[in-house]
């Protein structure tokens, strides 16, 4: 019996190693080219994002009193002062309350209008456009508009209440410490609900219509279809809107600053407006930097917690 033997070509034995080397060289070349292309964006990000963050952290450990003053290292003194400042704790609590108001008012109104517009046929485009228009107005302009609406003597709200015989309901909407934060948040939510409305409308369009037909066959009424079909079908959109509303709720500076500047007696002071007051009015940049770091940690904590909750809910 003859045994057949074959001799492998040395070139074939070297081929896998050579192929790996070529792939490694190609990967290095591709990474180098990608890094070169990303270098301008990385440089701009480092200049306008990373550098301010590092400078803010450094200022929080100094007694900086202005841009042209000498800043000395004071360690954790600013952090200790922050824990002893009652206005900081009050503004932090009002920031959470402001966030709650924005999520409920802007998010809830966006959902209600999306459900109402979804039932229309001919005028759907008109109302969708009309309700979205306030979102195109800047928050500063919104603050001016609503400050006039809330005017206690000539404002639209008190004038209408007086003419309807409800003068006892007329209030100093921006001077009452119990009403001012809610009143300002209404103005901010009026500017933001249009975006949430469009997101909910897009979610409604993605719900399978056969689910409604099956619910009708089972004898479900309007509320049952809303609870068992519509709201579950909007679950993904709701989580996205909720996260977006929380992020926007933390950025309530412009409306509060224009309408009340944190008053009366700090009743509408939130973290962002108090940072401005410390940095540009009191010239206490060290304590303002501490609050900036606190605000960043707060935003990161809320975002991470919410993302984990959403991932656990979807799994």
Protein backbone atom coordinates (compact mmCIF):
# COMPACT_ATOMS: atom_id res chain seq x y z
CA UNK A 1 0.00 0.00 0.00
CA UNK A 2 1.46 3.26 -1.05
CA UNK A 3 1.17 6.21 1.33
CA UNK A 4 0.57 9.50 -0.38
CA UNK A 5 2.37 12.41 1.13
CA UNK A 6 2.05 16.05 0.31
CA UNK A 7 4.45 18.80 0.95
CA UNK A 8 2.88 22.10 1.92
CA UNK A 9 4.08 25.17 0.16
CA UNK A 10 6.05 27.38 2.61
CA UNK A 11 4.18 30.36 1.16
CA UNK A 12 0.90 28.82 2.31
CA UNK A 13 2.26 28.36 5.83
CA UNK A 14 3.32 31.98 5.95
CA UNK A 15 0.01 33.28 4.56
CA UNK A 16 -2.00 33.39 7.83
CA UNK A 17 0.73 35.29 9.70
CA UNK A 18 1.19 37.67 6.80
CA UNK A 19 -2.55 38.20 6.59
CA UNK A 20 -2.69 38.98 10.30
CA UNK A 21 0.15 41.43 9.95
CA UNK A 22 -1.54 43.13 7.04
CA UNK A 23 -4.79 43.36 8.99
CA UNK A 24 -2.98 44.76 12.02
CA UNK A 25 -1.16 47.28 9.86
CA UNK A 26 -4.43 48.23 8.19
CA UNK A 27 -6.15 48.64 11.54
CA UNK A 28 -3.34 50.87 12.80
CA UNK A 29 -3.46 52.90 9.63
CA UNK A 30 -7.25 53.21 9.92
CA UNK A 31 -7.02 54.27 13.56
CA UNK A 32 -4.35 56.81 12.71
CA UNK A 33 -6.44 58.27 9.89
CA UNK A 34 -9.53 58.38 12.09
CA UNK A 35 -7.59 60.08 14.89
CA UNK A 36 -6.27 62.71 12.50
CA UNK A 37 -9.79 63.40 11.23
CA UNK A 38 -11.17 63.63 14.79
CA UNK A 39 -8.31 65.78 16.07
CA UNK A 40 -9.99 69.17 15.32
CA UNK A 41 -13.19 68.08 17.07
CA UNK A 42 -11.20 66.70 20.03
CA UNK A 43 -9.25 69.95 20.28
CA UNK A 44 -12.44 72.05 20.25
CA UNK A 45 -14.08 69.77 22.82
CA UNK A 46 -11.05 70.01 25.09
CA UNK A 47 -10.92 73.79 24.70
CA UNK A 48 -14.60 74.58 25.24
CA UNK A 49 -15.73 71.67 27.48
CA UNK A 50 -12.91 69.95 29.33
CA UNK A 51 -10.94 73.11 30.11
CA UNK A 52 -13.91 74.98 31.69
CA UNK A 53 -14.75 71.89 33.74
CA UNK A 54 -11.20 71.61 35.08
CA UNK A 55 -11.06 75.35 35.77
CA UNK A 56 -14.38 75.19 37.63
CA UNK A 57 -13.04 72.39 39.83
CA UNK A 58 -9.89 74.42 40.52
CA UNK A 59 -11.83 77.61 41.34
CA UNK A 60 -13.97 75.67 43.82
CA UNK A 61 -10.81 75.20 45.93
CA UNK A 62 -9.87 78.91 45.86
CA UNK A 63 -11.16 82.17 47.29
CA UNK A 64 -11.53 83.74 43.84
CA UNK A 65 -13.49 86.98 44.02
CA UNK A 66 -13.47 87.99 40.37
CA UNK A 67 -11.69 87.68 37.09
CA UNK A 68 -9.00 90.23 37.93
CA UNK A 69 -8.44 89.29 41.57
CA UNK A 70 -5.87 86.99 43.11
CA UNK A 71 -7.13 83.50 43.91
CA UNK A 72 -5.55 81.61 46.81
CA UNK A 73 -5.97 77.93 47.56
CA UNK A 74 -8.37 77.41 50.50
CA UNK A 75 -8.96 73.67 50.34
CA UNK A 76 -12.48 72.55 51.17
CA UNK A 77 -13.56 75.82 52.79
CA UNK A 78 -16.01 76.60 50.00
CA UNK A 79 -17.56 73.15 50.29
CA UNK A 80 -17.99 73.62 54.04
CA UNK A 81 -19.56 77.03 53.47
CA UNK A 82 -21.97 75.46 51.00
CA UNK A 83 -23.23 73.02 53.63
CA UNK A 84 -23.84 75.92 56.04
CA UNK A 85 -25.66 78.22 53.61
CA UNK A 86 -29.45 77.90 54.16
CA UNK A 87 -30.25 79.53 50.81
CA UNK A 88 -28.42 76.75 49.01
CA UNK A 89 -30.58 74.11 50.67
CA UNK A 90 -33.72 76.12 49.95
CA UNK A 91 -32.76 76.59 46.30
CA UNK A 92 -31.94 72.89 46.01
CA UNK A 93 -35.38 71.95 47.31
CA UNK A 94 -37.04 74.42 44.96
CA UNK A 95 -35.00 72.99 42.08
CA UNK A 96 -36.51 69.56 42.70
CA UNK A 97 -39.96 71.15 43.01
CA UNK A 98 -39.37 73.04 39.75
CA UNK A 99 -38.34 69.78 38.09
CA UNK A 100 -41.53 68.08 39.31
CA UNK A 101 -43.71 70.94 38.09
CA UNK A 102 -42.09 70.88 34.63
CA UNK A 103 -42.46 67.13 34.18
CA UNK A 104 -46.13 67.19 35.25
CA UNK A 105 -47.19 70.40 33.51
CA UNK A 106 -45.21 70.27 30.26
CA UNK A 107 -45.17 66.50 29.90
CA UNK A 108 -48.79 66.06 30.95
CA UNK A 109 -50.05 68.84 28.70
CA UNK A 110 -48.03 67.45 25.79
CA UNK A 111 -49.59 64.02 26.27
CA UNK A 112 -53.14 65.40 26.63
CA UNK A 113 -52.88 67.52 23.50
CA UNK A 114 -51.33 64.67 21.52
CA UNK A 115 -54.27 62.43 22.43
CA UNK A 116 -56.75 65.17 21.54
CA UNK A 117 -55.09 66.04 18.22
CA UNK A 118 -54.81 62.36 17.31
CA UNK A 119 -58.64 62.19 17.22
CA UNK A 120 -58.87 65.00 14.66
CA UNK A 121 -58.83 64.56 10.92
CA UNK A 122 -58.93 67.79 8.91
CA UNK A 123 -57.52 70.28 11.44
CA UNK A 124 -54.77 68.04 12.81
CA UNK A 125 -51.93 69.83 11.03
CA UNK A 126 -53.20 73.25 12.05
CA UNK A 127 -53.43 72.49 15.77
CA UNK A 128 -50.16 70.59 15.74
CA UNK A 129 -48.40 73.61 14.26
CA UNK A 130 -50.19 76.12 16.48
CA UNK A 131 -49.33 74.32 19.70
CA UNK A 132 -45.71 73.84 18.66
CA UNK A 133 -45.13 77.54 17.93
CA UNK A 134 -44.41 78.54 21.57
CA UNK A 135 -41.42 76.20 21.53
CA UNK A 136 -39.83 78.40 18.88
CA UNK A 137 -39.88 81.42 21.20
CA UNK A 138 -36.85 81.95 23.44
CA UNK A 139 -37.31 81.58 27.18
CA UNK A 140 -36.32 85.21 27.75
CA UNK A 141 -39.14 86.42 25.49
CA UNK A 142 -41.51 83.96 27.14
CA UNK A 143 -40.58 85.44 30.51
CA UNK A 144 -41.40 88.96 29.35
CA UNK A 145 -44.73 87.87 27.85
CA UNK A 146 -45.87 86.00 30.94
CA UNK A 147 -44.65 88.71 33.30
CA UNK A 148 -47.16 91.01 31.60
CA UNK A 149 -49.85 88.33 31.73
CA UNK A 150 -49.28 88.01 35.48
CA UNK A 151 -49.28 91.77 36.10
CA UNK A 152 -51.53 92.29 39.18
CA UNK A 153 -53.19 95.45 37.81
CA UNK A 154 -53.24 95.19 34.02
CA UNK A 155 -52.41 91.53 33.42
CA UNK A 156 -54.66 89.29 31.38
CA UNK A 157 -55.38 86.83 34.20
CA UNK A 158 -56.46 89.29 36.90
CA UNK A 159 -58.35 91.46 34.39
CA UNK A 160 -60.32 88.44 33.14
CA UNK A 161 -61.07 87.26 36.68
CA UNK A 162 -62.33 90.72 37.62
CA UNK A 163 -64.58 90.98 34.57
CA UNK A 164 -66.02 87.53 35.25
CA UNK A 165 -66.92 88.53 38.80
CA UNK A 166 -64.12 86.52 40.38
CA UNK A 167 -62.06 89.41 41.69
CA UNK A 168 -61.42 87.48 44.91
CA UNK A 169 -59.40 85.00 42.90
CA UNK A 170 -57.06 87.67 41.58
CA UNK A 171 -53.61 87.18 43.02
CA UNK A 172 -50.16 88.67 42.97
CA UNK A 173 -48.94 85.71 40.96
CA UNK A 174 -45.28 86.79 41.03
CA UNK A 175 -45.28 88.43 44.47
CA UNK A 176 -46.89 85.68 46.52
CA UNK A 177 -44.14 83.38 47.89
CA UNK A 178 -46.54 80.41 47.79
CA UNK A 179 -47.50 80.91 44.13
CA UNK A 180 -44.46 82.41 42.45
CA UNK A 181 -42.52 79.21 41.67
CA UNK A 182 -45.58 77.50 40.23
CA UNK A 183 -46.53 80.61 38.24
CA UNK A 184 -43.09 80.92 36.67
CA UNK A 185 -43.02 77.22 35.91
CA UNK A 186 -46.32 77.53 34.03
CA UNK A 187 -44.63 80.01 31.70
CA UNK A 188 -41.64 77.72 31.21
CA UNK A 189 -43.87 74.68 30.63
CA UNK A 190 -45.94 76.65 28.10
CA UNK A 191 -42.77 77.13 26.08
CA UNK A 192 -41.72 73.47 26.28
CA UNK A 193 -44.88 71.36 25.95
CA UNK A 194 -44.98 71.60 22.13
CA UNK A 195 -41.89 69.43 21.69
CA UNK A 196 -43.26 66.74 23.97
CA UNK A 197 -46.57 66.88 22.12
CA UNK A 198 -44.88 66.13 18.80
CA UNK A 199 -42.99 63.22 20.33
CA UNK A 200 -46.21 61.74 21.68
CA UNK A 201 -47.94 62.24 18.33
CA UNK A 202 -45.11 60.32 16.63
CA UNK A 203 -45.53 57.56 19.20
CA UNK A 204 -49.27 57.37 18.60
CA UNK A 205 -48.71 56.92 14.89
CA UNK A 206 -46.55 53.86 15.56
CA UNK A 207 -49.23 51.99 17.53
CA UNK A 208 -50.72 49.12 15.54
CA UNK A 209 -54.33 49.96 14.63
CA UNK A 210 -55.36 46.33 14.84
CA UNK A 211 -54.91 46.51 18.62
CA UNK A 212 -57.72 49.07 18.80
CA UNK A 213 -59.90 46.89 16.55
CA UNK A 214 -59.31 43.89 18.81
CA UNK A 215 -60.14 46.00 21.88
CA UNK A 216 -63.39 47.15 20.27
CA UNK A 217 -64.32 43.56 19.45
CA UNK A 218 -63.76 42.71 23.13
CA UNK A 219 -66.15 45.52 24.05
CA UNK A 220 -63.59 47.98 25.45
CA UNK A 221 -64.71 51.58 25.88
CA UNK A 222 -62.59 54.68 25.29
CA UNK A 223 -60.96 54.73 28.71
CA UNK A 224 -60.16 51.01 28.56
CA UNK A 225 -58.53 51.42 25.14
CA UNK A 226 -56.54 54.35 26.47
CA UNK A 227 -55.35 52.44 29.53
CA UNK A 228 -54.71 49.05 27.90
CA UNK A 229 -53.61 49.99 24.38
CA UNK A 230 -52.55 53.60 24.03
CA UNK A 231 -50.50 54.11 27.19
CA UNK A 232 -48.63 50.78 26.92
CA UNK A 233 -47.92 51.58 23.28
CA UNK A 234 -46.43 54.92 24.35
CA UNK A 235 -44.21 53.46 27.07
CA UNK A 236 -40.96 53.92 25.14
CA UNK A 237 -41.87 57.46 24.12
CA UNK A 238 -42.92 58.26 27.69
CA UNK A 239 -39.55 57.24 29.09
CA UNK A 240 -37.77 59.37 26.50
CA UNK A 241 -40.03 62.36 27.13
CA UNK A 242 -39.58 61.94 30.88
CA UNK A 243 -35.79 61.94 30.57
CA UNK A 244 -35.90 64.96 28.25
CA UNK A 245 -38.28 66.81 30.58
CA UNK A 246 -36.02 66.17 33.57
CA UNK A 247 -33.00 67.51 31.70
CA UNK A 248 -34.93 70.59 30.55
CA UNK A 249 -36.36 71.01 34.03
CA UNK A 250 -32.87 71.45 35.45
CA UNK A 251 -32.25 74.32 33.04
CA UNK A 252 -34.79 76.76 34.45
CA UNK A 253 -32.52 79.79 34.65
CA UNK A 254 -33.79 82.09 31.90
CA UNK A 255 -37.48 82.20 32.82
CA UNK A 256 -36.87 82.67 36.55
CA UNK A 257 -34.19 85.30 35.96
CA UNK A 258 -36.35 87.37 33.61
CA UNK A 259 -39.59 87.12 35.57
CA UNK A 260 -38.55 87.26 39.25
CA UNK A 261 -34.75 87.12 39.55
CA UNK A 262 -35.27 84.56 42.31
CA UNK A 263 -37.65 86.72 44.39
CA UNK A 264 -39.58 87.56 46.34
CA UNK A 265 -37.29 86.79 49.29
CA UNK A 266 -35.66 83.86 47.46
CA UNK A 267 -39.08 82.20 47.04
CA UNK A 268 -38.34 81.33 43.40
CA UNK A 269 -34.58 80.90 43.77
CA UNK A 270 -33.27 77.72 42.17
CA UNK A 271 -29.71 76.47 41.94
CA UNK A 272 -28.95 78.03 38.55
CA UNK A 273 -30.16 81.51 39.51
CA UNK A 274 -28.29 81.36 42.82
CA UNK A 275 -25.10 80.44 40.95
CA UNK A 276 -25.53 83.56 38.85
CA UNK A 277 -26.19 85.66 41.94
CA UNK A 278 -23.05 84.40 43.68
CA UNK A 279 -20.77 84.63 40.66
CA UNK A 280 -21.79 87.93 39.08
CA UNK A 281 -23.39 89.89 41.92
CA UNK A 282 -21.62 88.73 45.07
CA UNK A 283 -18.38 87.97 43.18
CA UNK A 284 -17.99 84.76 45.18
CA UNK A 285 -16.66 82.57 42.41
CA UNK A 286 -15.41 79.84 44.71
CA UNK A 287 -18.83 79.10 46.19
CA UNK A 288 -20.47 79.49 42.77
CA UNK A 289 -18.06 76.88 41.37
CA UNK A 290 -19.05 74.50 44.16
CA UNK A 291 -22.70 74.88 43.18
CA UNK A 292 -21.81 74.28 39.52
CA UNK A 293 -20.19 71.00 40.54
CA UNK A 294 -23.22 70.16 42.68
CA UNK A 295 -25.50 70.85 39.72
CA UNK A 296 -23.40 68.61 37.46
CA UNK A 297 -23.38 65.78 40.00
CA UNK A 298 -27.14 66.15 40.40
CA UNK A 299 -27.73 65.96 36.65
CA UNK A 300 -25.43 62.95 36.26
CA UNK A 301 -27.07 61.16 39.20
CA UNK A 302 -30.58 61.70 37.87
CA UNK A 303 -29.56 60.61 34.37
CA UNK A 304 -27.79 57.44 35.51
CA UNK A 305 -30.59 56.48 37.90
CA UNK A 306 -33.23 57.07 35.26
CA UNK A 307 -31.33 55.10 32.59
CA UNK A 308 -30.94 52.15 34.96
CA UNK A 309 -34.62 52.27 35.80
CA UNK A 310 -35.52 52.38 32.12
CA UNK A 311 -33.18 49.48 31.28
CA UNK A 312 -34.62 47.39 34.13
CA UNK A 313 -38.15 48.23 33.02
CA UNK A 314 -37.53 47.28 29.37
CA UNK A 315 -35.73 44.03 30.20
